[in-house]
Structure formats: structure tokens, C-alpha cells
């Protein structure tokens, strides 16, 4: 299995579970429940440990 195939399978697996990928945008700051991206966009999230 090549790296591309592994990447595609992993991404597909995570997307089916609700993970969203934002490529090409850096994270400037993370606070509880909110990530601020470079450019000013904010993304709310919840995570369980």
C-alpha cells in the first residue's frame, strides 16, 4: 500500500466520523472550544479526552 492510498483511507475514515479538514490555513491561537486561524476565521470545536 503506498502513502497516497493510506492517506486517502485515513482521511475518508475520519471524514465519515465528522472530522473536517481545512488545508492551507494556519492556526494562530487556540482557546477552550475555539481555534483562531490566520486571516481571522474562527472555528468552534469540542473535543473529548
PDB file of N, CA and C in Angstrom:
ATOM      1  N   UNK A   1       0.864  -1.182   0.000  1.00  0.00           N
ATOM      2  CA  UNK A   1       0.000   0.000   0.000  1.00  0.00           C
ATOM      3  C   UNK A   1       0.900   1.231   0.000  1.00  0.00           C
ATOM      4  N   UNK A   2       0.673   2.147  -0.928  1.00  0.00           N
ATOM      5  CA  UNK A   2       1.522   3.346  -0.984  1.00  0.00           C
ATOM      6  C   UNK A   2       1.003   4.427  -0.031  1.00  0.00           C
ATOM      7  N   UNK A   3       1.833   5.437   0.195  1.00  0.00           N
ATOM      8  CA  UNK A   3       1.474   6.509   1.136  1.00  0.00           C
ATOM      9  C   UNK A   3       0.196   7.235   0.737  1.00  0.00           C
ATOM     10  N   UNK A   4      -0.002   7.443  -0.552  1.00  0.00           N
ATOM     11  CA  UNK A   4      -1.199   8.155  -1.036  1.00  0.00           C
ATOM     12  C   UNK A   4      -2.455   7.363  -0.681  1.00  0.00           C
ATOM     13  N   UNK A   5      -2.395   6.072  -0.876  1.00  0.00           N
ATOM     14  CA  UNK A   5      -3.531   5.218  -0.575  1.00  0.00           C
ATOM     15  C   UNK A   5      -3.843   5.231   0.923  1.00  0.00           C
ATOM     16  N   UNK A   6      -2.818   5.184   1.748  1.00  0.00           N
ATOM     17  CA  UNK A   6      -3.004   5.221   3.198  1.00  0.00           C
ATOM     18  C   UNK A   6      -3.611   6.554   3.610  1.00  0.00           C
ATOM     19  N   UNK A   7      -3.107   7.642   3.030  1.00  0.00           N
ATOM     20  CA  UNK A   7      -3.627   8.982   3.328  1.00  0.00           C
ATOM     21  C   UNK A   7      -5.108   9.084   2.977  1.00  0.00           C
ATOM     22  N   UNK A   8      -5.471   8.610   1.805  1.00  0.00           N
ATOM     23  CA  UNK A   8      -6.867   8.681   1.361  1.00  0.00           C
ATOM     24  C   UNK A   8      -7.778   7.844   2.254  1.00  0.00           C
ATOM     25  N   UNK A   9      -7.334   6.676   2.648  1.00  0.00           N
ATOM     26  CA  UNK A   9      -8.146   5.826   3.524  1.00  0.00           C
ATOM     27  C   UNK A   9      -8.317   6.444   4.900  1.00  0.00           C
ATOM     28  N   UNK A  10      -7.245   7.008   5.444  1.00  0.00           N
ATOM     29  CA  UNK A  10      -7.323   7.643   6.760  1.00  0.00           C
ATOM     30  C   UNK A  10      -8.247   8.854   6.718  1.00  0.00           C
ATOM     31  N   UNK A  11      -8.100   9.663   5.687  1.00  0.00           N
ATOM     32  CA  UNK A  11      -8.948  10.857   5.565  1.00  0.00           C
ATOM     33  C   UNK A  11     -10.416  10.470   5.419  1.00  0.00           C
ATOM     34  N   UNK A  12     -10.694   9.503   4.584  1.00  0.00           N
ATOM     35  CA  UNK A  12     -12.065   9.033   4.389  1.00  0.00           C
ATOM     36  C   UNK A  12     -12.645   8.513   5.695  1.00  0.00           C
ATOM     37  N   UNK A  13     -11.871   7.744   6.433  1.00  0.00           N
ATOM     38  CA  UNK A  13     -12.293   7.198   7.722  1.00  0.00           C
ATOM     39  C   UNK A  13     -12.677   8.327   8.680  1.00  0.00           C
ATOM     40  N   UNK A  14     -11.818   9.334   8.783  1.00  0.00           N
ATOM     41  CA  UNK A  14     -12.072  10.447   9.697  1.00  0.00           C
ATOM     42  C   UNK A  14     -13.252  11.305   9.245  1.00  0.00           C
ATOM     43  N   UNK A  15     -13.373  11.554   7.951  1.00  0.00           N
ATOM     44  CA  UNK A  15     -14.486  12.364   7.446  1.00  0.00           C
ATOM     45  C   UNK A  15     -15.826  11.686   7.721  1.00  0.00           C
ATOM     46  N   UNK A  16     -15.881  10.373   7.629  1.00  0.00           N
ATOM     47  CA  UNK A  16     -17.128   9.659   7.936  1.00  0.00           C
ATOM     48  C   UNK A  16     -17.514   9.808   9.400  1.00  0.00           C
ATOM     49  N   UNK A  17     -16.541  10.161  10.222  1.00  0.00           N
ATOM     50  CA  UNK A  17     -16.788  10.354  11.641  1.00  0.00           C
ATOM     51  C   UNK A  17     -16.928  11.821  12.017  1.00  0.00           C
ATOM     52  N   UNK A  18     -17.051  12.687  11.009  1.00  0.00           N
ATOM     53  CA  UNK A  18     -17.342  14.088  11.267  1.00  0.00           C
ATOM     54  C   UNK A  18     -16.148  15.019  11.318  1.00  0.00           C
ATOM     55  N   UNK A  19     -14.947  14.521  11.063  1.00  0.00           N
ATOM     56  CA  UNK A  19     -13.760  15.384  11.059  1.00  0.00           C
ATOM     57  C   UNK A  19     -13.741  16.182   9.760  1.00  0.00           C
ATOM     58  N   UNK A  20     -13.496  17.476   9.871  1.00  0.00           N
ATOM     59  CA  UNK A  20     -13.390  18.349   8.696  1.00  0.00           C
ATOM     60  C   UNK A  20     -11.944  18.801   8.553  1.00  0.00           C
ATOM     61  N   UNK A  21     -11.459  18.817   7.326  1.00  0.00           N
ATOM     62  CA  UNK A  21     -10.087  19.214   7.041  1.00  0.00           C
ATOM     63  C   UNK A  21     -10.085  20.582   6.369  1.00  0.00           C
ATOM     64  N   UNK A  22      -9.279  21.494   6.890  1.00  0.00           N
ATOM     65  CA  UNK A  22      -9.068  22.808   6.281  1.00  0.00           C
ATOM     66  C   UNK A  22      -7.587  22.897   5.966  1.00  0.00           C
ATOM     67  N   UNK A  23      -7.247  22.694   4.726  1.00  0.00           N
ATOM     68  CA  UNK A  23      -5.845  22.671   4.333  1.00  0.00           C
ATOM     69  C   UNK A  23      -5.404  24.049   3.876  1.00  0.00           C
ATOM     70  N   UNK A  24      -4.172  24.383   4.187  1.00  0.00           N
ATOM     71  CA  UNK A  24      -3.608  25.647   3.744  1.00  0.00           C
ATOM     72  C   UNK A  24      -3.934  26.824   4.643  1.00  0.00           C
ATOM     73  N   UNK A  25      -4.495  26.572   5.810  1.00  0.00           N
ATOM     74  CA  UNK A  25      -4.807  27.648   6.755  1.00  0.00           C
ATOM     75  C   UNK A  25      -4.100  27.339   8.068  1.00  0.00           C
ATOM     76  N   UNK A  26      -3.261  28.260   8.503  1.00  0.00           N
ATOM     77  CA  UNK A  26      -2.552  28.066   9.758  1.00  0.00           C
ATOM     78  C   UNK A  26      -3.392  28.455  10.958  1.00  0.00           C
ATOM     79  N   UNK A  27      -3.108  27.820  12.074  1.00  0.00           N
ATOM     80  CA  UNK A  27      -3.780  28.149  13.328  1.00  0.00           C
ATOM     81  C   UNK A  27      -2.942  29.187  14.059  1.00  0.00           C
ATOM     82  N   UNK A  28      -3.585  30.295  14.389  1.00  0.00           N
ATOM     83  CA  UNK A  28      -2.897  31.388  15.070  1.00  0.00           C
ATOM     84  C   UNK A  28      -2.975  31.232  16.588  1.00  0.00           C
ATOM     85  N   UNK A  29      -4.159  30.803  17.072  1.00  0.00           N
ATOM     86  CA  UNK A  29      -4.376  30.727  18.517  1.00  0.00           C
ATOM     87  C   UNK A  29      -5.466  29.705  18.807  1.00  0.00           C
ATOM     88  N   UNK A  30      -5.315  28.976  19.916  1.00  0.00           N
ATOM     89  CA  UNK A  30      -6.337  28.027  20.343  1.00  0.00           C
ATOM     90  C   UNK A  30      -6.731  28.365  21.773  1.00  0.00           C
ATOM     91  N   UNK A  31      -8.016  28.520  21.976  1.00  0.00           N
ATOM     92  CA  UNK A  31      -8.571  28.729  23.309  1.00  0.00           C
ATOM     93  C   UNK A  31      -9.585  27.618  23.536  1.00  0.00           C
ATOM     94  N   UNK A  32     -10.108  27.523  24.716  1.00  0.00           N
ATOM     95  CA  UNK A  32     -11.058  26.462  25.010  1.00  0.00           C
ATOM     96  C   UNK A  32     -12.256  26.537  24.061  1.00  0.00           C
ATOM     97  N   UNK A  33     -12.371  25.544  23.194  1.00  0.00           N
ATOM     98  CA  UNK A  33     -13.513  25.452  22.301  1.00  0.00           C
ATOM     99  C   UNK A  33     -13.448  26.285  21.034  1.00  0.00           C
ATOM    100  N   UNK A  34     -12.359  27.046  20.824  1.00  0.00           N
ATOM    101  CA  UNK A  34     -12.262  27.909  19.647  1.00  0.00           C
ATOM    102  C   UNK A  34     -10.825  27.925  19.117  1.00  0.00           C
ATOM    103  N   UNK A  35     -10.694  27.746  17.820  1.00  0.00           N
ATOM    104  CA  UNK A  35      -9.393  27.916  17.161  1.00  0.00           C
ATOM    105  C   UNK A  35      -9.494  29.135  16.262  1.00  0.00           C
ATOM    106  N   UNK A  36      -8.533  30.033  16.375  1.00  0.00           N
ATOM    107  CA  UNK A  36      -8.486  31.212  15.517  1.00  0.00           C
ATOM    108  C   UNK A  36      -7.448  30.952  14.433  1.00  0.00           C
ATOM    109  N   UNK A  37      -7.874  31.072  13.184  1.00  0.00           N
ATOM    110  CA  UNK A  37      -6.988  30.820  12.057  1.00  0.00           C
ATOM    111  C   UNK A  37      -6.333  32.108  11.593  1.00  0.00           C
ATOM    112  N   UNK A  38      -5.210  31.949  10.896  1.00  0.00           N
ATOM    113  CA  UNK A  38      -4.593  33.109  10.262  1.00  0.00           C
ATOM    114  C   UNK A  38      -5.600  33.667   9.274  1.00  0.00           C
ATOM    115  N   UNK A  39      -5.766  34.947   9.244  1.00  0.00           N
ATOM    116  CA  UNK A  39      -6.761  35.573   8.389  1.00  0.00           C
ATOM    117  C   UNK A  39      -8.022  35.937   9.148  1.00  0.00           C
ATOM    118  N   UNK A  40      -8.132  35.482  10.426  1.00  0.00           N
ATOM    119  CA  UNK A  40      -9.242  35.903  11.264  1.00  0.00           C
ATOM    120  C   UNK A  40     -10.399  34.942  11.413  1.00  0.00           C
ATOM    121  N   UNK A  41     -10.483  33.897  10.582  1.00  0.00           N
ATOM    122  CA  UNK A  41     -11.583  32.935  10.744  1.00  0.00           C
ATOM    123  C   UNK A  41     -11.477  32.242  12.090  1.00  0.00           C
ATOM    124  N   UNK A  42     -12.642  31.947  12.673  1.00  0.00           N
ATOM    125  CA  UNK A  42     -12.692  31.235  13.956  1.00  0.00           C
ATOM    126  C   UNK A  42     -13.504  29.960  13.778  1.00  0.00           C
ATOM    127  N   UNK A  43     -13.034  28.885  14.385  1.00  0.00           N
ATOM    128  CA  UNK A  43     -13.728  27.610  14.289  1.00  0.00           C
ATOM    129  C   UNK A  43     -14.001  27.113  15.711  1.00  0.00           C
ATOM    130  N   UNK A  44     -15.257  26.864  15.991  1.00  0.00           N
ATOM    131  CA  UNK A  44     -15.625  26.301  17.280  1.00  0.00           C
ATOM    132  C   UNK A  44     -15.504  24.791  17.200  1.00  0.00           C
ATOM    133  N   UNK A  45     -15.091  24.181  18.307  1.00  0.00           N
ATOM    134  CA  UNK A  45     -14.946  22.737  18.334  1.00  0.00           C
ATOM    135  C   UNK A  45     -15.191  22.211  19.743  1.00  0.00           C
ATOM    136  N   UNK A  46     -15.410  20.927  19.795  1.00  0.00           N
ATOM    137  CA  UNK A  46     -15.457  20.234  21.084  1.00  0.00           C
ATOM    138  C   UNK A  46     -14.584  19.004  20.941  1.00  0.00           C
ATOM    139  N   UNK A  47     -13.913  18.663  21.993  1.00  0.00           N
ATOM    140  CA  UNK A  47     -13.033  17.505  21.973  1.00  0.00           C
ATOM    141  C   UNK A  47     -13.155  16.772  23.300  1.00  0.00           C
ATOM    142  N   UNK A  48     -13.126  15.472  23.210  1.00  0.00           N
ATOM    143  CA  UNK A  48     -13.157  14.652  24.430  1.00  0.00           C
ATOM    144  C   UNK A  48     -11.818  13.963  24.578  1.00  0.00           C
ATOM    145  N   UNK A  49     -11.332  13.958  25.791  1.00  0.00           N
ATOM    146  CA  UNK A  49     -10.029  13.305  26.034  1.00  0.00           C
ATOM    147  C   UNK A  49     -10.227  11.851  26.358  1.00  0.00           C
TER     148      UNK A  49
END
